[in-house]
């Protein structure tokens, strides 16, 4: 069964919109992570919290940044594949 000519274009548009949403989410996660991490570091220093809480904040920030990197890499690979006609 033949598909309408606009089907491929609309599917590509939906994929591009989904990628744009994911990239906005990545940007928000990175910005929020840095703001929260700096806030926890400052608050911990002011309140005299033990170093284990600073390390916990560091690990949480590293986790969020690794997640952001993985999502960005996945989007990059998907765009690269579609631009080469593989997708």
C-alpha atoms as a PDB file:
ATOM      1  CA  UNK A   1       0.000   0.000   0.000  1.00  0.00           C
ATOM      2  CA  UNK A   2       1.451   3.336  -1.046  1.00  0.00           C
ATOM      3  CA  UNK A   3       1.871   6.046   1.540  1.00  0.00           C
ATOM      4  CA  UNK A   4       0.952   9.657   0.919  1.00  0.00           C
ATOM      5  CA  UNK A   5       3.830  11.886  -0.193  1.00  0.00           C
ATOM      6  CA  UNK A   6       3.561  14.051   2.935  1.00  0.00           C
ATOM      7  CA  UNK A   7       3.904  11.078   5.269  1.00  0.00           C
ATOM      8  CA  UNK A   8       7.708  11.009   5.282  1.00  0.00           C
ATOM      9  CA  UNK A   9       7.913  14.756   5.783  1.00  0.00           C
ATOM     10  CA  UNK A  10       5.446  14.725   8.671  1.00  0.00           C
ATOM     11  CA  UNK A  11       7.292  11.821  10.292  1.00  0.00           C
ATOM     12  CA  UNK A  12      10.581  13.732   9.969  1.00  0.00           C
ATOM     13  CA  UNK A  13       8.905  16.811  11.452  1.00  0.00           C
ATOM     14  CA  UNK A  14       7.645  14.781  14.405  1.00  0.00           C
ATOM     15  CA  UNK A  15      11.114  13.322  14.962  1.00  0.00           C
ATOM     16  CA  UNK A  16      12.682  16.794  14.815  1.00  0.00           C
ATOM     17  CA  UNK A  17      10.096  18.109  17.293  1.00  0.00           C
ATOM     18  CA  UNK A  18      10.784  15.203  19.640  1.00  0.00           C
ATOM     19  CA  UNK A  19      14.529  15.859  19.408  1.00  0.00           C
ATOM     20  CA  UNK A  20      13.970  19.546  20.150  1.00  0.00           C
ATOM     21  CA  UNK A  21      11.885  18.658  23.228  1.00  0.00           C
ATOM     22  CA  UNK A  22      14.578  16.312  24.468  1.00  0.00           C
ATOM     23  CA  UNK A  23      17.299  18.903  23.946  1.00  0.00           C
ATOM     24  CA  UNK A  24      15.272  21.478  25.900  1.00  0.00           C
ATOM     25  CA  UNK A  25      14.894  18.920  28.693  1.00  0.00           C
ATOM     26  CA  UNK A  26      18.662  18.289  28.639  1.00  0.00           C
ATOM     27  CA  UNK A  27      19.313  22.029  28.870  1.00  0.00           C
ATOM     28  CA  UNK A  28      16.938  22.390  31.829  1.00  0.00           C
ATOM     29  CA  UNK A  29      18.503  19.395  33.601  1.00  0.00           C
ATOM     30  CA  UNK A  30      22.024  20.777  33.133  1.00  0.00           C
ATOM     31  CA  UNK A  31      21.071  24.269  34.334  1.00  0.00           C
ATOM     32  CA  UNK A  32      19.060  22.988  37.310  1.00  0.00           C
ATOM     33  CA  UNK A  33      21.797  20.529  38.244  1.00  0.00           C
ATOM     34  CA  UNK A  34      24.459  23.223  38.319  1.00  0.00           C
ATOM     35  CA  UNK A  35      22.248  25.648  40.270  1.00  0.00           C
ATOM     36  CA  UNK A  36      21.258  23.012  42.846  1.00  0.00           C
ATOM     37  CA  UNK A  37      24.803  21.688  43.133  1.00  0.00           C
ATOM     38  CA  UNK A  38      26.208  25.169  43.750  1.00  0.00           C
ATOM     39  CA  UNK A  39      23.407  25.878  46.224  1.00  0.00           C
ATOM     40  CA  UNK A  40      24.034  22.691  48.190  1.00  0.00           C
ATOM     41  CA  UNK A  41      27.783  23.338  48.250  1.00  0.00           C
ATOM     42  CA  UNK A  42      27.265  26.890  49.515  1.00  0.00           C
ATOM     43  CA  UNK A  43      24.597  25.907  52.052  1.00  0.00           C
ATOM     44  CA  UNK A  44      26.691  23.009  53.314  1.00  0.00           C
ATOM     45  CA  UNK A  45      29.641  25.334  53.852  1.00  0.00           C
ATOM     46  CA  UNK A  46      27.476  27.874  55.692  1.00  0.00           C
ATOM     47  CA  UNK A  47      25.797  25.287  57.903  1.00  0.00           C
ATOM     48  CA  UNK A  48      28.913  23.220  58.568  1.00  0.00           C
ATOM     49  CA  UNK A  49      27.501  20.004  57.087  1.00  0.00           C
ATOM     50  CA  UNK A  50      29.772  16.937  57.053  1.00  0.00           C
ATOM     51  CA  UNK A  51      31.753  16.281  53.871  1.00  0.00           C
ATOM     52  CA  UNK A  52      29.681  13.184  53.108  1.00  0.00           C
ATOM     53  CA  UNK A  53      26.781  15.448  52.079  1.00  0.00           C
ATOM     54  CA  UNK A  54      29.019  17.369  49.699  1.00  0.00           C
ATOM     55  CA  UNK A  55      30.113  14.079  48.140  1.00  0.00           C
ATOM     56  CA  UNK A  56      26.480  12.971  47.887  1.00  0.00           C
ATOM     57  CA  UNK A  57      25.628  16.207  46.057  1.00  0.00           C
ATOM     58  CA  UNK A  58      28.645  15.653  43.785  1.00  0.00           C
ATOM     59  CA  UNK A  59      27.495  12.138  42.899  1.00  0.00           C
ATOM     60  CA  UNK A  60      23.947  13.311  42.185  1.00  0.00           C
ATOM     61  CA  UNK A  61      25.270  16.076  39.929  1.00  0.00           C
ATOM     62  CA  UNK A  62      27.573  13.654  38.118  1.00  0.00           C
ATOM     63  CA  UNK A  63      24.623  11.298  37.564  1.00  0.00           C
ATOM     64  CA  UNK A  64      22.477  14.066  36.089  1.00  0.00           C
ATOM     65  CA  UNK A  65      25.282  15.250  33.829  1.00  0.00           C
ATOM     66  CA  UNK A  66      26.027  11.718  32.594  1.00  0.00           C
ATOM     67  CA  UNK A  67      22.331  11.270  31.822  1.00  0.00           C
ATOM     68  CA  UNK A  68      22.393  14.552  29.877  1.00  0.00           C
ATOM     69  CA  UNK A  69      25.463  13.441  27.954  1.00  0.00           C
ATOM     70  CA  UNK A  70      23.885  10.099  27.038  1.00  0.00           C
ATOM     71  CA  UNK A  71      20.653  11.691  25.834  1.00  0.00           C
ATOM     72  CA  UNK A  72      22.580  14.266  23.801  1.00  0.00           C
ATOM     73  CA  UNK A  73      24.733  11.535  22.253  1.00  0.00           C
ATOM     74  CA  UNK A  74      21.643   9.509  21.358  1.00  0.00           C
ATOM     75  CA  UNK A  75      20.040  12.524  19.659  1.00  0.00           C
ATOM     76  CA  UNK A  76      23.274  13.257  17.787  1.00  0.00           C
ATOM     77  CA  UNK A  77      23.466   9.666  16.506  1.00  0.00           C
ATOM     78  CA  UNK A  78      19.809   9.710  15.440  1.00  0.00           C
ATOM     79  CA  UNK A  79      20.250  12.983  13.530  1.00  0.00           C
ATOM     80  CA  UNK A  80      23.467  11.749  11.920  1.00  0.00           C
ATOM     81  CA  UNK A  81      21.778   8.528  10.793  1.00  0.00           C
ATOM     82  CA  UNK A  82      18.766  10.354   9.356  1.00  0.00           C
ATOM     83  CA  UNK A  83      20.956  12.834   7.488  1.00  0.00           C
ATOM     84  CA  UNK A  84      22.818   9.932   5.873  1.00  0.00           C
ATOM     85  CA  UNK A  85      19.551   8.364   4.744  1.00  0.00           C
ATOM     86  CA  UNK A  86      19.645   5.498   7.221  1.00  0.00           C
ATOM     87  CA  UNK A  87      16.775   6.529   9.330  1.00  0.00           C
END
